[in-house]
Amino acid sequence: MPPERADGVADAEGMKEGYRITCVLYQGGGSALLEKLRLKGFLMASLFYARGKMIGEPISSKRNFAFQMPKEVVVVLCLKEDYEELFQWIWQEQRISEAGQGFLYSAFVSYMSDFQLPEGIS
């Protein structure tokens, strides 16, 4: 039986604390950000697509919902010690403070582990 931490949660070997950073961008920005993250060494990142209105966009009718521009969502997992620097880098790189660029948020991840393929599989 693995040893327990003070908060009662089992502490497994190789498990680490970290953050999940989510960046929602207009079409075209997500794939470029994903490539930049990989070049920086953050390989635990993924890209998916969504539809919907951004915060502050007016809702004029239900009919125009189908014609909305798709959004690209980049999700990256990082270790606790990399979080502040990475969050600030994405904020500046994607110009999140400018209107219409998207939004960025994060959540604490209490346990995550490295993903490794078995030997002989590449």
N, C-alpha and C. Protein backbone atom coordinates (compact mmCIF):
# COMPACT_ATOMS: atom_id res chain seq x y z
N MET A 1 0.85 -1.18 0.00
CA MET A 1 0.00 0.00 0.00
C MET A 1 0.89 1.24 0.00
N PRO A 2 0.64 2.21 -0.92
CA PRO A 2 1.50 3.40 -1.00
C PRO A 2 1.31 4.29 0.23
N PRO A 3 2.37 5.01 0.61
CA PRO A 3 2.25 5.92 1.76
C PRO A 3 1.25 7.02 1.45
N GLU A 4 0.59 7.53 2.50
CA GLU A 4 -0.38 8.59 2.31
C GLU A 4 0.21 9.93 2.71
N ARG A 5 -0.19 10.96 2.00
CA ARG A 5 0.21 12.32 2.35
C ARG A 5 -0.61 12.79 3.53
N ALA A 6 -0.25 13.95 4.06
CA ALA A 6 -0.95 14.50 5.22
C ALA A 6 -2.43 14.75 4.94
N ASP A 7 -2.80 15.05 3.69
CA ASP A 7 -4.20 15.34 3.37
C ASP A 7 -5.00 14.07 3.09
N GLY A 8 -4.39 12.89 3.25
CA GLY A 8 -5.11 11.64 3.09
C GLY A 8 -5.09 11.07 1.68
N VAL A 9 -4.44 11.73 0.75
CA VAL A 9 -4.39 11.26 -0.64
C VAL A 9 -3.13 10.42 -0.82
N ALA A 10 -3.28 9.28 -1.44
CA ALA A 10 -2.13 8.40 -1.66
C ALA A 10 -1.09 9.10 -2.52
N ASP A 11 0.17 8.99 -2.16
CA ASP A 11 1.26 9.62 -2.89
C ASP A 11 1.98 8.55 -3.70
N ALA A 12 1.71 8.50 -4.99
CA ALA A 12 2.32 7.49 -5.85
C ALA A 12 3.63 8.01 -6.41
N GLU A 13 4.55 7.09 -6.62
CA GLU A 13 5.85 7.47 -7.16
C GLU A 13 5.69 8.02 -8.58
N GLY A 14 6.38 9.10 -8.87
CA GLY A 14 6.35 9.68 -10.21
C GLY A 14 5.21 10.66 -10.45
N MET A 15 4.32 10.83 -9.48
CA MET A 15 3.21 11.76 -9.65
C MET A 15 3.69 13.17 -9.26
N LYS A 16 3.24 14.17 -10.03
CA LYS A 16 3.69 15.54 -9.81
C LYS A 16 2.50 16.49 -9.81
N GLU A 17 2.65 17.62 -9.12
CA GLU A 17 1.64 18.68 -9.16
C GLU A 17 1.92 19.57 -10.35
N GLY A 18 0.87 20.14 -10.90
CA GLY A 18 1.06 21.00 -12.06
C GLY A 18 -0.16 21.85 -12.32
N TYR A 19 -0.23 22.40 -13.52
CA TYR A 19 -1.34 23.24 -13.94
C TYR A 19 -1.76 22.86 -15.35
N ARG A 20 -3.05 23.06 -15.61
CA ARG A 20 -3.59 22.93 -16.96
C ARG A 20 -3.93 24.35 -17.41
N ILE A 21 -3.27 24.81 -18.45
CA ILE A 21 -3.52 26.15 -19.00
C ILE A 21 -4.35 25.98 -20.27
N THR A 22 -5.44 26.71 -20.35
CA THR A 22 -6.34 26.64 -21.50
C THR A 22 -6.38 28.00 -22.17
N CYS A 23 -6.15 28.03 -23.47
CA CYS A 23 -6.14 29.27 -24.24
C CYS A 23 -7.14 29.12 -25.39
N VAL A 24 -8.15 29.98 -25.42
CA VAL A 24 -9.17 29.96 -26.47
C VAL A 24 -8.88 31.10 -27.43
N LEU A 25 -8.67 30.76 -28.71
CA LEU A 25 -8.27 31.74 -29.72
C LEU A 25 -9.18 31.65 -30.93
N TYR A 26 -9.18 32.70 -31.74
CA TYR A 26 -9.90 32.64 -33.00
C TYR A 26 -9.17 31.72 -33.97
N GLN A 27 -9.86 31.28 -35.00
CA GLN A 27 -9.33 30.31 -35.95
C GLN A 27 -7.98 30.74 -36.51
N GLY A 28 -7.03 29.81 -36.50
CA GLY A 28 -5.70 30.07 -37.03
C GLY A 28 -4.65 30.30 -35.97
N GLY A 29 -5.02 30.77 -34.81
CA GLY A 29 -4.03 31.06 -33.77
C GLY A 29 -3.59 29.85 -32.98
N GLY A 30 -4.44 28.85 -32.86
CA GLY A 30 -4.15 27.70 -32.02
C GLY A 30 -3.04 26.82 -32.56
N SER A 31 -3.06 26.55 -33.84
CA SER A 31 -2.03 25.67 -34.40
C SER A 31 -0.65 26.30 -34.32
N ALA A 32 -0.57 27.61 -34.50
CA ALA A 32 0.72 28.30 -34.38
C ALA A 32 1.22 28.27 -32.94
N LEU A 33 0.31 28.47 -31.97
CA LEU A 33 0.70 28.41 -30.56
C LEU A 33 1.16 27.01 -30.19
N LEU A 34 0.48 26.00 -30.68
CA LEU A 34 0.85 24.62 -30.39
C LEU A 34 2.26 24.32 -30.88
N GLU A 35 2.59 24.78 -32.07
CA GLU A 35 3.93 24.57 -32.62
C GLU A 35 4.98 25.30 -31.78
N LYS A 36 4.69 26.53 -31.36
CA LYS A 36 5.64 27.29 -30.52
C LYS A 36 5.85 26.60 -29.18
N LEU A 37 4.77 26.05 -28.61
CA LEU A 37 4.89 25.32 -27.34
C LEU A 37 5.79 24.09 -27.50
N ARG A 38 5.63 23.39 -28.60
CA ARG A 38 6.46 22.20 -28.83
C ARG A 38 7.92 22.58 -29.02
N LEU A 39 8.17 23.70 -29.69
CA LEU A 39 9.55 24.16 -29.86
C LEU A 39 10.17 24.56 -28.52
N LYS A 40 9.35 25.03 -27.58
CA LYS A 40 9.83 25.39 -26.24
C LYS A 40 9.99 24.15 -25.35
N GLY A 41 9.54 22.99 -25.83
CA GLY A 41 9.71 21.76 -25.06
C GLY A 41 8.48 21.32 -24.29
N PHE A 42 7.36 21.98 -24.48
CA PHE A 42 6.12 21.58 -23.80
C PHE A 42 5.35 20.64 -24.72
N LEU A 43 5.56 19.35 -24.50
CA LEU A 43 4.98 18.34 -25.38
C LEU A 43 3.60 17.88 -24.92
N MET A 44 3.20 18.24 -23.70
CA MET A 44 1.89 17.85 -23.19
C MET A 44 0.87 18.93 -23.54
N ALA A 45 0.72 19.20 -24.82
CA ALA A 45 -0.22 20.21 -25.30
C ALA A 45 -1.08 19.61 -26.39
N SER A 46 -2.31 20.08 -26.47
CA SER A 46 -3.22 19.58 -27.50
C SER A 46 -4.07 20.72 -28.03
N LEU A 47 -4.68 20.47 -29.17
CA LEU A 47 -5.49 21.46 -29.87
C LEU A 47 -6.83 20.84 -30.23
N PHE A 48 -7.91 21.56 -29.96
CA PHE A 48 -9.21 21.13 -30.45
C PHE A 48 -10.02 22.35 -30.83
N TYR A 49 -11.16 22.13 -31.43
CA TYR A 49 -11.95 23.21 -32.01
C TYR A 49 -13.30 23.33 -31.31
N ALA A 50 -13.84 24.55 -31.30
CA ALA A 50 -15.13 24.81 -30.66
C ALA A 50 -15.86 25.89 -31.44
N ARG A 51 -17.15 25.96 -31.23
CA ARG A 51 -17.97 27.02 -31.80
C ARG A 51 -18.71 27.69 -30.66
N GLY A 52 -19.01 28.93 -30.81
CA GLY A 52 -19.74 29.66 -29.79
C GLY A 52 -19.35 31.12 -29.81
N LYS A 53 -20.03 31.89 -29.03
CA LYS A 53 -19.75 33.33 -28.98
C LYS A 53 -18.72 33.62 -27.90
N MET A 54 -17.83 34.55 -28.19
CA MET A 54 -16.86 35.01 -27.20
C MET A 54 -17.58 35.92 -26.22
N ILE A 55 -17.04 36.07 -25.05
CA ILE A 55 -17.62 36.95 -24.05
C ILE A 55 -17.68 38.36 -24.63
N GLY A 56 -18.83 38.98 -24.54
CA GLY A 56 -18.99 40.34 -25.05
C GLY A 56 -19.53 40.43 -26.46
N GLU A 57 -19.56 39.32 -27.20
CA GLU A 57 -20.12 39.35 -28.54
C GLU A 57 -21.64 39.44 -28.43
N PRO A 58 -22.26 40.34 -29.19
CA PRO A 58 -23.73 40.46 -29.11
C PRO A 58 -24.43 39.24 -29.72
N ILE A 59 -25.55 38.90 -29.14
CA ILE A 59 -26.37 37.83 -29.67
C ILE A 59 -27.55 38.49 -30.38
N SER A 60 -27.49 38.52 -31.72
CA SER A 60 -28.53 39.21 -32.48
C SER A 60 -29.69 38.29 -32.83
N SER A 61 -29.39 37.02 -33.10
CA SER A 61 -30.46 36.06 -33.37
C SER A 61 -29.92 34.65 -33.22
N LYS A 62 -30.80 33.70 -33.03
CA LYS A 62 -30.37 32.30 -32.93
C LYS A 62 -29.88 31.80 -34.28
N ARG A 63 -30.36 32.38 -35.34
CA ARG A 63 -30.03 31.91 -36.68
C ARG A 63 -28.56 32.14 -37.03
N ASN A 64 -27.94 33.21 -36.54
CA ASN A 64 -26.55 33.48 -36.91
C ASN A 64 -25.55 32.62 -36.15
N PHE A 65 -26.04 31.80 -35.23
CA PHE A 65 -25.15 30.93 -34.46
C PHE A 65 -24.35 29.99 -35.37
N ALA A 66 -24.98 29.48 -36.42
CA ALA A 66 -24.32 28.53 -37.32
C ALA A 66 -23.19 29.18 -38.12
N PHE A 67 -23.19 30.49 -38.24
CA PHE A 67 -22.19 31.17 -39.06
C PHE A 67 -21.05 31.76 -38.23
N GLN A 68 -20.96 31.40 -36.98
CA GLN A 68 -19.90 31.94 -36.13
C GLN A 68 -18.54 31.36 -36.52
N MET A 69 -17.53 32.17 -36.30
CA MET A 69 -16.17 31.74 -36.59
C MET A 69 -15.74 30.69 -35.56
N PRO A 70 -15.18 29.57 -36.01
CA PRO A 70 -14.70 28.56 -35.06
C PRO A 70 -13.57 29.10 -34.20
N LYS A 71 -13.48 28.58 -33.01
CA LYS A 71 -12.39 28.92 -32.10
C LYS A 71 -11.45 27.73 -32.01
N GLU A 72 -10.19 28.01 -31.73
CA GLU A 72 -9.21 26.96 -31.50
C GLU A 72 -8.83 27.00 -30.03
N VAL A 73 -8.85 25.85 -29.40
CA VAL A 73 -8.57 25.76 -27.97
C VAL A 73 -7.29 24.96 -27.78
N VAL A 74 -6.30 25.58 -27.14
CA VAL A 74 -5.04 24.91 -26.85
C VAL A 74 -5.01 24.64 -25.35
N VAL A 75 -4.75 23.40 -25.00
CA VAL A 75 -4.63 22.99 -23.60
C VAL A 75 -3.23 22.45 -23.40
N VAL A 76 -2.54 22.97 -22.39
CA VAL A 76 -1.17 22.53 -22.11
C VAL A 76 -1.06 22.19 -20.62
N LEU A 77 -0.41 21.08 -20.33
CA LEU A 77 -0.10 20.69 -18.96
C LEU A 77 1.34 21.07 -18.69
N CYS A 78 1.57 21.66 -17.53
CA CYS A 78 2.94 22.02 -17.17
C CYS A 78 3.16 21.75 -15.68
N LEU A 79 4.40 21.58 -15.32
CA LEU A 79 4.75 21.39 -13.92
C LEU A 79 4.53 22.68 -13.14
N LYS A 80 4.33 22.53 -11.86
CA LYS A 80 4.06 23.68 -10.98
C LYS A 80 5.16 24.75 -11.10
N GLU A 81 6.41 24.32 -11.19
CA GLU A 81 7.52 25.28 -11.24
C GLU A 81 7.61 26.03 -12.58
N ASP A 82 6.98 25.52 -13.64
CA ASP A 82 6.99 26.19 -14.95
C ASP A 82 5.77 27.07 -15.18
N TYR A 83 4.79 26.99 -14.29
CA TYR A 83 3.49 27.59 -14.53
C TYR A 83 3.53 29.11 -14.75
N GLU A 84 4.08 29.87 -13.82
CA GLU A 84 4.03 31.33 -13.91
C GLU A 84 4.68 31.84 -15.20
N GLU A 85 5.85 31.33 -15.50
CA GLU A 85 6.57 31.78 -16.70
C GLU A 85 5.80 31.41 -17.97
N LEU A 86 5.27 30.20 -18.03
CA LEU A 86 4.54 29.76 -19.22
C LEU A 86 3.24 30.55 -19.40
N PHE A 87 2.52 30.76 -18.31
CA PHE A 87 1.27 31.52 -18.39
C PHE A 87 1.54 32.92 -18.92
N GLN A 88 2.55 33.61 -18.40
CA GLN A 88 2.91 34.95 -18.86
C GLN A 88 3.36 34.94 -20.32
N TRP A 89 4.12 33.92 -20.70
CA TRP A 89 4.59 33.83 -22.09
C TRP A 89 3.41 33.69 -23.05
N ILE A 90 2.45 32.82 -22.73
CA ILE A 90 1.28 32.66 -23.60
C ILE A 90 0.48 33.95 -23.64
N TRP A 91 0.32 34.60 -22.49
CA TRP A 91 -0.43 35.87 -22.41
C TRP A 91 0.17 36.90 -23.36
N GLN A 92 1.50 37.03 -23.34
CA GLN A 92 2.17 38.01 -24.20
C GLN A 92 2.22 37.55 -25.65
N GLU A 93 2.52 36.28 -25.88
CA GLU A 93 2.65 35.74 -27.23
C GLU A 93 1.35 35.87 -28.02
N GLN A 94 0.23 35.64 -27.37
CA GLN A 94 -1.08 35.68 -28.03
C GLN A 94 -1.78 37.02 -27.86
N ARG A 95 -1.15 37.97 -27.19
CA ARG A 95 -1.70 39.32 -26.97
C ARG A 95 -3.12 39.24 -26.38
N ILE A 96 -3.27 38.44 -25.34
CA ILE A 96 -4.58 38.20 -24.72
C ILE A 96 -5.18 39.49 -24.16
N SER A 97 -4.36 40.45 -23.76
CA SER A 97 -4.89 41.69 -23.18
C SER A 97 -5.58 42.57 -24.23
N GLU A 98 -5.36 42.32 -25.51
CA GLU A 98 -6.01 43.09 -26.57
C GLU A 98 -7.40 42.53 -26.85
N ALA A 99 -8.32 43.41 -27.17
CA ALA A 99 -9.70 42.99 -27.44
C ALA A 99 -9.76 42.04 -28.62
N GLY A 100 -10.58 41.00 -28.51
CA GLY A 100 -10.82 40.09 -29.61
C GLY A 100 -9.74 39.05 -29.85
N GLN A 101 -8.77 38.93 -28.95
CA GLN A 101 -7.68 37.96 -29.16
C GLN A 101 -7.99 36.60 -28.54
N GLY A 102 -8.98 36.53 -27.67
CA GLY A 102 -9.31 35.28 -27.01
C GLY A 102 -9.19 35.43 -25.51
N PHE A 103 -9.14 34.31 -24.82
CA PHE A 103 -8.95 34.37 -23.38
C PHE A 103 -8.14 33.18 -22.89
N LEU A 104 -7.65 33.31 -21.67
CA LEU A 104 -6.70 32.37 -21.11
C LEU A 104 -7.09 32.10 -19.67
N TYR A 105 -7.10 30.84 -19.27
CA TYR A 105 -7.33 30.52 -17.86
C TYR A 105 -6.56 29.27 -17.51
N SER A 106 -6.47 29.00 -16.21
CA SER A 106 -5.71 27.84 -15.76
C SER A 106 -6.39 27.18 -14.58
N ALA A 107 -6.01 25.95 -14.32
CA ALA A 107 -6.54 25.21 -13.18
C ALA A 107 -5.42 24.34 -12.61
N PHE A 108 -5.40 24.23 -11.31
CA PHE A 108 -4.41 23.40 -10.62
C PHE A 108 -4.71 21.93 -10.87
N VAL A 109 -3.68 21.15 -11.13
CA VAL A 109 -3.81 19.71 -11.32
C VAL A 109 -3.04 19.05 -10.17
N SER A 110 -3.74 18.35 -9.30
CA SER A 110 -3.09 17.81 -8.10
C SER A 110 -2.15 16.65 -8.41
N TYR A 111 -2.47 15.84 -9.42
CA TYR A 111 -1.59 14.74 -9.78
C TYR A 111 -1.52 14.58 -11.29
N MET A 112 -0.32 14.48 -11.80
CA MET A 112 -0.12 14.14 -13.20
C MET A 112 1.17 13.34 -13.29
N SER A 113 1.29 12.55 -14.32
CA SER A 113 2.49 11.74 -14.48
C SER A 113 3.00 11.87 -15.91
N ASP A 114 4.27 11.51 -16.09
CA ASP A 114 4.87 11.52 -17.42
C ASP A 114 4.25 10.40 -18.24
N PHE A 115 4.03 10.68 -19.51
CA PHE A 115 3.52 9.68 -20.44
C PHE A 115 4.73 9.08 -21.16
N GLN A 116 4.90 7.79 -21.03
CA GLN A 116 6.01 7.13 -21.70
C GLN A 116 5.49 5.86 -22.37
N LEU A 117 5.90 5.69 -23.61
CA LEU A 117 5.56 4.47 -24.34
C LEU A 117 6.44 3.32 -23.85
N PRO A 118 5.95 2.10 -23.91
CA PRO A 118 6.79 0.94 -23.55
C PRO A 118 8.01 0.86 -24.46
N GLU A 119 9.05 0.20 -23.98
CA GLU A 119 10.27 0.02 -24.78
C GLU A 119 9.95 -0.67 -26.09
N GLY A 120 10.60 -0.24 -27.15
CA GLY A 120 10.41 -0.84 -28.46
C GLY A 120 9.29 -0.21 -29.28
N ILE A 121 8.53 0.70 -28.67
CA ILE A 121 7.46 1.39 -29.40
C ILE A 121 7.85 2.85 -29.53
N SER A 122 7.79 3.36 -30.76
CA SER A 122 8.14 4.76 -30.97
C SER A 122 7.04 5.49 -31.68
